[in-house]
PDB file of all heavy atoms in Angstrom:
ATOM      1  N   GLY A   1      14.763  11.962  -3.965  1.00  0.00           N
ATOM      2  CA  GLY A   1      14.018  11.123  -3.043  1.00  0.00           C
ATOM      3  C   GLY A   1      13.249  10.024  -3.749  1.00  0.00           C
ATOM      4  O   GLY A   1      13.284   9.890  -4.976  1.00  0.00           O
ATOM      5  N   VAL A   2      12.556   9.240  -2.958  1.00  0.00           N
ATOM      6  CA  VAL A   2      11.764   8.116  -3.459  1.00  0.00           C
ATOM      7  C   VAL A   2      10.388   8.623  -3.856  1.00  0.00           C
ATOM      8  O   VAL A   2       9.689   9.240  -3.050  1.00  0.00           O
ATOM      9  CB  VAL A   2      11.647   7.029  -2.377  1.00  0.00           C
ATOM     10  CG1 VAL A   2      10.731   5.901  -2.833  1.00  0.00           C
ATOM     11  CG2 VAL A   2      13.030   6.494  -2.004  1.00  0.00           C
ATOM     12  N   ASP A   3       9.989   8.344  -5.097  1.00  0.00           N
ATOM     13  CA  ASP A   3       8.656   8.778  -5.529  1.00  0.00           C
ATOM     14  C   ASP A   3       7.685   7.610  -5.526  1.00  0.00           C
ATOM     15  O   ASP A   3       8.037   6.474  -5.185  1.00  0.00           O
ATOM     16  CB  ASP A   3       8.699   9.492  -6.881  1.00  0.00           C
ATOM     17  CG  ASP A   3       9.023   8.567  -8.052  1.00  0.00           C
ATOM     18  OD1 ASP A   3       8.906   7.329  -7.922  1.00  0.00           O
ATOM     19  OD2 ASP A   3       9.393   9.092  -9.124  1.00  0.00           O
ATOM     20  N   GLU A   4       6.445   7.902  -5.906  1.00  0.00           N
ATOM     21  CA  GLU A   4       5.369   6.918  -5.770  1.00  0.00           C
ATOM     22  C   GLU A   4       5.424   5.809  -6.816  1.00  0.00           C
ATOM     23  O   GLU A   4       4.657   4.834  -6.727  1.00  0.00           O
ATOM     24  CB  GLU A   4       4.013   7.636  -5.835  1.00  0.00           C
ATOM     25  CG  GLU A   4       3.754   8.595  -4.689  1.00  0.00           C
ATOM     26  CD  GLU A   4       4.394   9.969  -4.875  1.00  0.00           C
ATOM     27  OE1 GLU A   4       5.059  10.192  -5.935  1.00  0.00           O
ATOM     28  OE2 GLU A   4       4.241  10.819  -3.988  1.00  0.00           O
ATOM     29  N   THR A   5       6.310   5.922  -7.808  1.00  0.00           N
ATOM     30  CA  THR A   5       6.451   4.846  -8.792  1.00  0.00           C
ATOM     31  C   THR A   5       7.356   3.723  -8.284  1.00  0.00           C
ATOM     32  O   THR A   5       7.451   2.674  -8.925  1.00  0.00           O
ATOM     33  CB  THR A   5       7.019   5.384 -10.115  1.00  0.00           C
ATOM     34  OG1 THR A   5       8.348   5.872  -9.899  1.00  0.00           O
ATOM     35  CG2 THR A   5       6.137   6.505 -10.666  1.00  0.00           C
ATOM     36  N   ARG A   6       7.999   3.942  -7.156  1.00  0.00           N
ATOM     37  CA  ARG A   6       8.849   2.919  -6.568  1.00  0.00           C
ATOM     38  C   ARG A   6       8.022   1.673  -6.261  1.00  0.00           C
ATOM     39  O   ARG A   6       6.954   1.756  -5.635  1.00  0.00           O
ATOM     40  CB  ARG A   6       9.471   3.448  -5.271  1.00  0.00           C
ATOM     41  CG  ARG A   6      10.205   2.398  -4.433  1.00  0.00           C
ATOM     42  CD  ARG A   6      11.602   2.157  -4.916  1.00  0.00           C
ATOM     43  NE  ARG A   6      12.206   1.011  -4.235  1.00  0.00           N
ATOM     44  CZ  ARG A   6      13.464   0.632  -4.387  1.00  0.00           C
ATOM     45  NH1 ARG A   6      14.265   1.337  -5.171  1.00  0.00           N
ATOM     46  NH2 ARG A   6      13.930  -0.422  -3.766  1.00  0.00           N
ATOM     47  N   PRO A   7       8.455   0.473  -6.689  1.00  0.00           N
ATOM     48  CA  PRO A   7       7.681  -0.744  -6.398  1.00  0.00           C
ATOM     49  C   PRO A   7       7.533  -0.965  -4.894  1.00  0.00           C
ATOM     50  O   PRO A   7       8.455  -0.709  -4.118  1.00  0.00           O
ATOM     51  CB  PRO A   7       8.524  -1.851  -7.037  1.00  0.00           C
ATOM     52  CG  PRO A   7       9.327  -1.170  -8.093  1.00  0.00           C
ATOM     53  CD  PRO A   7       9.619   0.199  -7.549  1.00  0.00           C
ATOM     54  N   LEU A   8       6.365  -1.449  -4.506  1.00  0.00           N
ATOM     55  CA  LEU A   8       6.122  -1.770  -3.101  1.00  0.00           C
ATOM     56  C   LEU A   8       6.866  -3.050  -2.737  1.00  0.00           C
ATOM     57  O   LEU A   8       6.943  -3.987  -3.531  1.00  0.00           O
ATOM     58  CB  LEU A   8       4.627  -1.930  -2.840  1.00  0.00           C
ATOM     59  CG  LEU A   8       3.755  -0.717  -3.170  1.00  0.00           C
ATOM     60  CD1 LEU A   8       2.302  -1.009  -2.825  1.00  0.00           C
ATOM     61  CD2 LEU A   8       4.234   0.525  -2.444  1.00  0.00           C
ATOM     62  N   ASP A   9       7.407  -3.088  -1.525  1.00  0.00           N
ATOM     63  CA  ASP A   9       8.196  -4.229  -1.080  1.00  0.00           C
ATOM     64  C   ASP A   9       8.147  -4.246   0.440  1.00  0.00           C
ATOM     65  O   ASP A   9       9.025  -3.722   1.117  1.00  0.00           O
ATOM     66  CB  ASP A   9       9.639  -4.098  -1.575  1.00  0.00           C
ATOM     67  CG  ASP A   9      10.480  -5.322  -1.251  1.00  0.00           C
ATOM     68  OD1 ASP A   9       9.906  -6.389  -0.956  1.00  0.00           O
ATOM     69  OD2 ASP A   9      11.723  -5.203  -1.281  1.00  0.00           O
ATOM     70  N   PHE A  10       7.097  -4.859   0.984  1.00  0.00           N
ATOM     71  CA  PHE A  10       6.846  -4.780   2.418  1.00  0.00           C
ATOM     72  C   PHE A  10       7.898  -5.572   3.199  1.00  0.00           C
ATOM     73  O   PHE A  10       8.093  -6.751   2.952  1.00  0.00           O
ATOM     74  CB  PHE A  10       5.463  -5.336   2.759  1.00  0.00           C
ATOM     75  CG  PHE A  10       4.331  -4.727   1.980  1.00  0.00           C
ATOM     76  CD1 PHE A  10       3.130  -5.416   1.842  1.00  0.00           C
ATOM     77  CD2 PHE A  10       4.451  -3.485   1.391  1.00  0.00           C
ATOM     78  CE1 PHE A  10       2.068  -4.866   1.139  1.00  0.00           C
ATOM     79  CE2 PHE A  10       3.394  -2.931   0.681  1.00  0.00           C
ATOM     80  CZ  PHE A  10       2.198  -3.622   0.558  1.00  0.00           C
ATOM     81  N   HIS A  11       8.553  -4.888   4.143  1.00  0.00           N
ATOM     82  CA  HIS A  11       9.513  -5.534   5.042  1.00  0.00           C
ATOM     83  C   HIS A  11       9.014  -5.399   6.464  1.00  0.00           C
ATOM     84  O   HIS A  11       8.497  -4.352   6.845  1.00  0.00           O
ATOM     85  CB  HIS A  11      10.888  -4.865   4.935  1.00  0.00           C
ATOM     86  CG  HIS A  11      11.683  -5.297   3.745  1.00  0.00           C
ATOM     87  ND1 HIS A  11      13.059  -5.365   3.748  1.00  0.00           N
ATOM     88  CD2 HIS A  11      11.300  -5.686   2.504  1.00  0.00           C
ATOM     89  CE1 HIS A  11      13.486  -5.763   2.565  1.00  0.00           C
ATOM     90  NE2 HIS A  11      12.447  -5.958   1.792  1.00  0.00           N
ATOM     91  N   SER A  12       9.193  -6.458   7.253  1.00  0.00           N
ATOM     92  CA  SER A  12       8.789  -6.556   8.650  1.00  0.00           C
ATOM     93  C   SER A  12       7.280  -6.728   8.738  1.00  0.00           C
ATOM     94  O   SER A  12       6.539  -6.314   7.834  1.00  0.00           O
ATOM     95  CB  SER A  12       9.222  -5.338   9.475  1.00  0.00           C
ATOM     96  OG  SER A  12       8.365  -4.221   9.272  1.00  0.00           O
ATOM     97  N   PRO A  13       6.780  -7.332   9.816  1.00  0.00           N
ATOM     98  CA  PRO A  13       5.324  -7.434   9.984  1.00  0.00           C
ATOM     99  C   PRO A  13       4.648  -6.063   9.943  1.00  0.00           C
ATOM    100  O   PRO A  13       3.550  -5.925   9.391  1.00  0.00           O
ATOM    101  CB  PRO A  13       5.181  -8.099  11.356  1.00  0.00           C
ATOM    102  CG  PRO A  13       6.423  -8.898  11.505  1.00  0.00           C
ATOM    103  CD  PRO A  13       7.510  -8.084  10.866  1.00  0.00           C
ATOM    104  N   TYR A  14       5.288  -5.056  10.517  1.00  0.00           N
ATOM    105  CA  TYR A  14       4.723  -3.697  10.468  1.00  0.00           C
ATOM    106  C   TYR A  14       4.573  -3.220   9.030  1.00  0.00           C
ATOM    107  O   TYR A  14       3.519  -2.696   8.643  1.00  0.00           O
ATOM    108  CB  TYR A  14       5.618  -2.748  11.257  1.00  0.00           C
ATOM    109  CG  TYR A  14       5.244  -1.293  11.105  1.00  0.00           C
ATOM    110  CD1 TYR A  14       4.130  -0.767  11.756  1.00  0.00           C
ATOM    111  CD2 TYR A  14       6.002  -0.437  10.312  1.00  0.00           C
ATOM    112  CE1 TYR A  14       3.778   0.569  11.616  1.00  0.00           C
ATOM    113  CE2 TYR A  14       5.669   0.900  10.167  1.00  0.00           C
ATOM    114  CZ  TYR A  14       4.553   1.394  10.821  1.00  0.00           C
ATOM    115  OH  TYR A  14       4.205   2.714  10.681  1.00  0.00           O
ATOM    116  N   GLY A  15       5.613  -3.388   8.220  1.00  0.00           N
ATOM    117  CA  GLY A  15       5.509  -3.004   6.813  1.00  0.00           C
ATOM    118  C   GLY A  15       4.404  -3.761   6.108  1.00  0.00           C
ATOM    119  O   GLY A  15       3.675  -3.191   5.270  1.00  0.00           O
ATOM    120  N   CYS A  16       4.244  -5.038   6.434  1.00  0.00           N
ATOM    121  CA  CYS A  16       3.190  -5.845   5.803  1.00  0.00           C
ATOM    122  C   CYS A  16       1.792  -5.377   6.206  1.00  0.00           C
ATOM    123  O   CYS A  16       0.894  -5.277   5.374  1.00  0.00           O
ATOM    124  CB  CYS A  16       3.367  -7.316   6.169  1.00  0.00           C
ATOM    125  SG  CYS A  16       4.811  -8.101   5.411  1.00  0.00           S
ATOM    126  N   SER A  17       1.599  -5.102   7.494  1.00  0.00           N
ATOM    127  CA  SER A  17       0.263  -4.714   7.953  1.00  0.00           C
ATOM    128  C   SER A  17      -0.120  -3.324   7.444  1.00  0.00           C
ATOM    129  O   SER A  17      -1.248  -3.105   6.994  1.00  0.00           O
ATOM    130  CB  SER A  17       0.187  -4.757   9.485  1.00  0.00           C
ATOM    131  OG  SER A  17       1.038  -3.799  10.080  1.00  0.00           O
ATOM    132  N   LYS A  18       0.819  -2.386   7.501  1.00  0.00           N
ATOM    133  CA  LYS A  18       0.521  -1.047   6.987  1.00  0.00           C
ATOM    134  C   LYS A  18       0.399  -1.068   5.470  1.00  0.00           C
ATOM    135  O   LYS A  18      -0.440  -0.357   4.894  1.00  0.00           O
ATOM    136  CB  LYS A  18       1.609  -0.062   7.419  1.00  0.00           C
ATOM    137  CG  LYS A  18       1.624   0.255   8.900  1.00  0.00           C
ATOM    138  CD  LYS A  18       0.387   1.028   9.350  1.00  0.00           C
ATOM    139  CE  LYS A  18       0.412   2.468   8.920  1.00  0.00           C
ATOM    140  NZ  LYS A  18      -0.710   3.250   9.509  1.00  0.00           N
ATOM    141  N   GLY A  19       1.213  -1.871   4.816  1.00  0.00           N
ATOM    142  CA  GLY A  19       1.103  -1.986   3.365  1.00  0.00           C
ATOM    143  C   GLY A  19      -0.222  -2.589   2.930  1.00  0.00           C
ATOM    144  O   GLY A  19      -0.822  -2.178   1.931  1.00  0.00           O
ATOM    145  N   THR A  20      -0.687  -3.589   3.682  1.00  0.00           N
ATOM    146  CA  THR A  20      -1.999  -4.175   3.407  1.00  0.00           C
ATOM    147  C   THR A  20      -3.093  -3.113   3.521  1.00  0.00           C
ATOM    148  O   THR A  20      -3.952  -2.981   2.642  1.00  0.00           O
ATOM    149  CB  THR A  20      -2.277  -5.317   4.393  1.00  0.00           C
ATOM    150  OG1 THR A  20      -1.309  -6.342   4.203  1.00  0.00           O
ATOM    151  CG2 THR A  20      -3.675  -5.890   4.199  1.00  0.00           C
ATOM    152  N   ALA A  21      -3.053  -2.345   4.603  1.00  0.00           N
ATOM    153  CA  ALA A  21      -4.043  -1.284   4.795  1.00  0.00           C
ATOM    154  C   ALA A  21      -3.956  -0.235   3.689  1.00  0.00           C
ATOM    155  O   ALA A  21      -4.979   0.208   3.153  1.00  0.00           O
ATOM    156  CB  ALA A  21      -3.833  -0.631   6.163  1.00  0.00           C
ATOM    157  N   ASP A  22      -2.745   0.144   3.335  1.00  0.00           N
ATOM    158  CA  ASP A  22      -2.486   1.101   2.261  1.00  0.00           C
ATOM    159  C   ASP A  22      -3.195   0.673   0.977  1.00  0.00           C
ATOM    160  O   ASP A  22      -3.915   1.453   0.328  1.00  0.00           O
ATOM    161  CB  ASP A  22      -0.967   1.159   2.075  1.00  0.00           C
ATOM    162  CG  ASP A  22      -0.456   2.030   0.940  1.00  0.00           C
ATOM    163  OD1 ASP A  22      -0.980   1.931  -0.180  1.00  0.00           O
ATOM    164  OD2 ASP A  22       0.514   2.780   1.166  1.00  0.00           O
ATOM    165  N   GLN A  23      -3.029  -0.591   0.614  1.00  0.00           N
ATOM    166  CA  GLN A  23      -3.607  -1.074  -0.635  1.00  0.00           C
ATOM    167  C   GLN A  23      -5.126  -1.237  -0.557  1.00  0.00           C
ATOM    168  O   GLN A  23      -5.833  -0.995  -1.539  1.00  0.00           O
ATOM    169  CB  GLN A  23      -2.942  -2.386  -1.025  1.00  0.00           C
ATOM    170  CG  GLN A  23      -1.484  -2.219  -1.414  1.00  0.00           C
ATOM    171  CD  GLN A  23      -1.324  -1.280  -2.596  1.00  0.00           C
ATOM    172  OE1 GLN A  23      -1.570  -1.649  -3.745  1.00  0.00           O
ATOM    173  NE2 GLN A  23      -0.911  -0.046  -2.320  1.00  0.00           N
ATOM    174  N   TYR A  24      -5.626  -1.624   0.611  1.00  0.00           N
ATOM    175  CA  TYR A  24      -7.079  -1.682   0.782  1.00  0.00           C
ATOM    176  C   TYR A  24      -7.714  -0.298   0.628  1.00  0.00           C
ATOM    177  O   TYR A  24      -8.759  -0.141  -0.012  1.00  0.00           O
ATOM    178  CB  TYR A  24      -7.438  -2.263   2.152  1.00  0.00           C
ATOM    179  CG  TYR A  24      -7.749  -3.736   2.136  1.00  0.00           C
ATOM    180  CD1 TYR A  24      -6.815  -4.674   2.573  1.00  0.00           C
ATOM    181  CD2 TYR A  24      -8.990  -4.204   1.686  1.00  0.00           C
ATOM    182  CE1 TYR A  24      -7.097  -6.023   2.565  1.00  0.00           C
ATOM    183  CE2 TYR A  24      -9.277  -5.552   1.673  1.00  0.00           C
ATOM    184  CZ  TYR A  24      -8.329  -6.463   2.111  1.00  0.00           C
ATOM    185  OH  TYR A  24      -8.618  -7.810   2.093  1.00  0.00           O
ATOM    186  N   VAL A  25      -7.079   0.711   1.226  1.00  0.00           N
ATOM    187  CA  VAL A  25      -7.635   2.067   1.143  1.00  0.00           C
ATOM    188  C   VAL A  25      -7.674   2.531  -0.305  1.00  0.00           C
ATOM    189  O   VAL A  25      -8.672   3.112  -0.775  1.00  0.00           O
ATOM    190  CB  VAL A  25      -6.816   3.034   2.017  1.00  0.00           C
ATOM    191  CG1 VAL A  25      -7.230   4.487   1.764  1.00  0.00           C
ATOM    192  CG2 VAL A  25      -7.001   2.699   3.498  1.00  0.00           C
ATOM    193  N   ARG A  26      -6.624   2.279  -1.052  1.00  0.00           N
ATOM    194  CA  ARG A  26      -6.617   2.666  -2.470  1.00  0.00           C
ATOM    195  C   ARG A  26      -7.649   1.866  -3.267  1.00  0.00           C
ATOM    196  O   ARG A  26      -8.339   2.404  -4.138  1.00  0.00           O
ATOM    197  CB  ARG A  26      -5.227   2.448  -3.060  1.00  0.00           C
ATOM    198  CG  ARG A  26      -4.157   3.367  -2.484  1.00  0.00           C
ATOM    199  CD  ARG A  26      -2.899   3.307  -3.316  1.00  0.00           C
ATOM    200  NE  ARG A  26      -3.126   3.898  -4.635  1.00  0.00           N
ATOM    201  CZ  ARG A  26      -2.379   3.647  -5.711  1.00  0.00           C
ATOM    202  NH1 ARG A  26      -1.383   2.776  -5.627  1.00  0.00           N
ATOM    203  NH2 ARG A  26      -2.638   4.227  -6.848  1.00  0.00           N
ATOM    204  N   ASP A  27      -7.753   0.573  -2.974  1.00  0.00           N
ATOM    205  CA  ASP A  27      -8.671  -0.256  -3.756  1.00  0.00           C
ATOM    206  C   ASP A  27     -10.131   0.058  -3.466  1.00  0.00           C
ATOM    207  O   ASP A  27     -10.975  -0.074  -4.356  1.00  0.00           O
ATOM    208  CB  ASP A  27      -8.410  -1.738  -3.503  1.00  0.00           C
ATOM    209  CG  ASP A  27      -9.207  -2.603  -4.454  1.00  0.00           C
ATOM    210  OD1 ASP A  27      -8.893  -2.583  -5.657  1.00  0.00           O
ATOM    211  OD2 ASP A  27     -10.175  -3.252  -4.001  1.00  0.00           O
ATOM    212  N   TYR A  28     -10.458   0.490  -2.246  1.00  0.00           N
ATOM    213  CA  TYR A  28     -11.847   0.830  -1.961  1.00  0.00           C
ATOM    214  C   TYR A  28     -12.275   2.087  -2.718  1.00  0.00           C
ATOM    215  O   TYR A  28     -13.470   2.301  -2.955  1.00  0.00           O
ATOM    216  CB  TYR A  28     -12.077   0.985  -0.455  1.00  0.00           C
ATOM    217  CG  TYR A  28     -12.548  -0.307   0.192  1.00  0.00           C
ATOM    218  CD1 TYR A  28     -11.803  -1.484   0.083  1.00  0.00           C
ATOM    219  CD2 TYR A  28     -13.739  -0.356   0.909  1.00  0.00           C
ATOM    220  CE1 TYR A  28     -12.236  -2.654   0.664  1.00  0.00           C
ATOM    221  CE2 TYR A  28     -14.178  -1.532   1.500  1.00  0.00           C
ATOM    222  CZ  TYR A  28     -13.424  -2.679   1.373  1.00  0.00           C
ATOM    223  OH  TYR A  28     -13.858  -3.850   1.945  1.00  0.00           O
ATOM    224  N   ALA A  29     -11.325   2.910  -3.110  1.00  0.00           N
ATOM    225  CA  ALA A  29     -11.650   4.016  -4.016  1.00  0.00           C
ATOM    226  C   ALA A  29     -11.918   3.471  -5.414  1.00  0.00           C
ATOM    227  O   ALA A  29     -12.888   3.858  -6.081  1.00  0.00           O
ATOM    228  CB  ALA A  29     -10.510   5.032  -4.050  1.00  0.00           C
ATOM    229  N   ARG A  30     -11.089   2.565  -5.862  1.00  0.00           N
ATOM    230  CA  ARG A  30     -11.209   2.009  -7.212  1.00  0.00           C
ATOM    231  C   ARG A  30     -12.419   1.095  -7.349  1.00  0.00           C
ATOM    232  O   ARG A  30     -13.191   1.193  -8.312  1.00  0.00           O
ATOM    233  CB  ARG A  30      -9.928   1.239  -7.541  1.00  0.00           C
ATOM    234  CG  ARG A  30      -9.929   0.532  -8.878  1.00  0.00           C
ATOM    235  CD  ARG A  30      -8.549  -0.021  -9.197  1.00  0.00           C
ATOM    236  NE  ARG A  30      -8.017  -0.812  -8.082  1.00  0.00           N
ATOM    237  CZ  ARG A  30      -6.808  -0.653  -7.574  1.00  0.00           C
ATOM    238  NH1 ARG A  30      -5.990   0.273  -8.053  1.00  0.00           N
ATOM    239  NH2 ARG A  30      -6.387  -1.417  -6.585  1.00  0.00           N
ATOM    240  N   THR A  31     -12.625   0.208  -6.388  1.00  0.00           N
ATOM    241  CA  THR A  31     -13.650  -0.824  -6.515  1.00  0.00           C
ATOM    242  C   THR A  31     -15.031  -0.361  -6.045  1.00  0.00           C
ATOM    243  O   THR A  31     -16.046  -0.674  -6.679  1.00  0.00           O
ATOM    244  CB  THR A  31     -13.234  -2.072  -5.711  1.00  0.00           C
ATOM    245  OG1 THR A  31     -11.991  -2.556  -6.222  1.00  0.00           O
ATOM    246  CG2 THR A  31     -14.284  -3.175  -5.818  1.00  0.00           C
ATOM    247  N   PHE A  32     -15.058   0.412  -4.955  1.00  0.00           N
ATOM    248  CA  PHE A  32     -16.342   0.779  -4.353  1.00  0.00           C
ATOM    249  C   PHE A  32     -16.659   2.268  -4.451  1.00  0.00           C
ATOM    250  O   PHE A  32     -17.731   2.690  -3.997  1.00  0.00           O
ATOM    251  CB  PHE A  32     -16.377   0.349  -2.890  1.00  0.00           C
ATOM    252  CG  PHE A  32     -16.221  -1.142  -2.700  1.00  0.00           C
ATOM    253  CD1 PHE A  32     -15.110  -1.667  -2.051  1.00  0.00           C
ATOM    254  CD2 PHE A  32     -17.176  -2.024  -3.181  1.00  0.00           C
ATOM    255  CE1 PHE A  32     -14.956  -3.027  -1.875  1.00  0.00           C
ATOM    256  CE2 PHE A  32     -17.040  -3.396  -3.017  1.00  0.00           C
ATOM    257  CZ  PHE A  32     -15.928  -3.905  -2.359  1.00  0.00           C
ATOM    258  N   GLY A  33     -15.760   3.050  -5.007  1.00  0.00           N
ATOM    259  CA  GLY A  33     -16.051   4.467  -5.213  1.00  0.00           C
ATOM    260  C   GLY A  33     -15.903   5.346  -3.988  1.00  0.00           C
ATOM    261  O   GLY A  33     -16.367   6.491  -3.999  1.00  0.00           O
TER     262      GLY A  33
END
């Protein structure tokens, strides 16, 4: 199967919006704790 090392590649507006949220959630852990 596909693991988490697979590069992100957002397809469709849905993929873009969920991908944006995905990265914000991860970054708020990194940047704001």
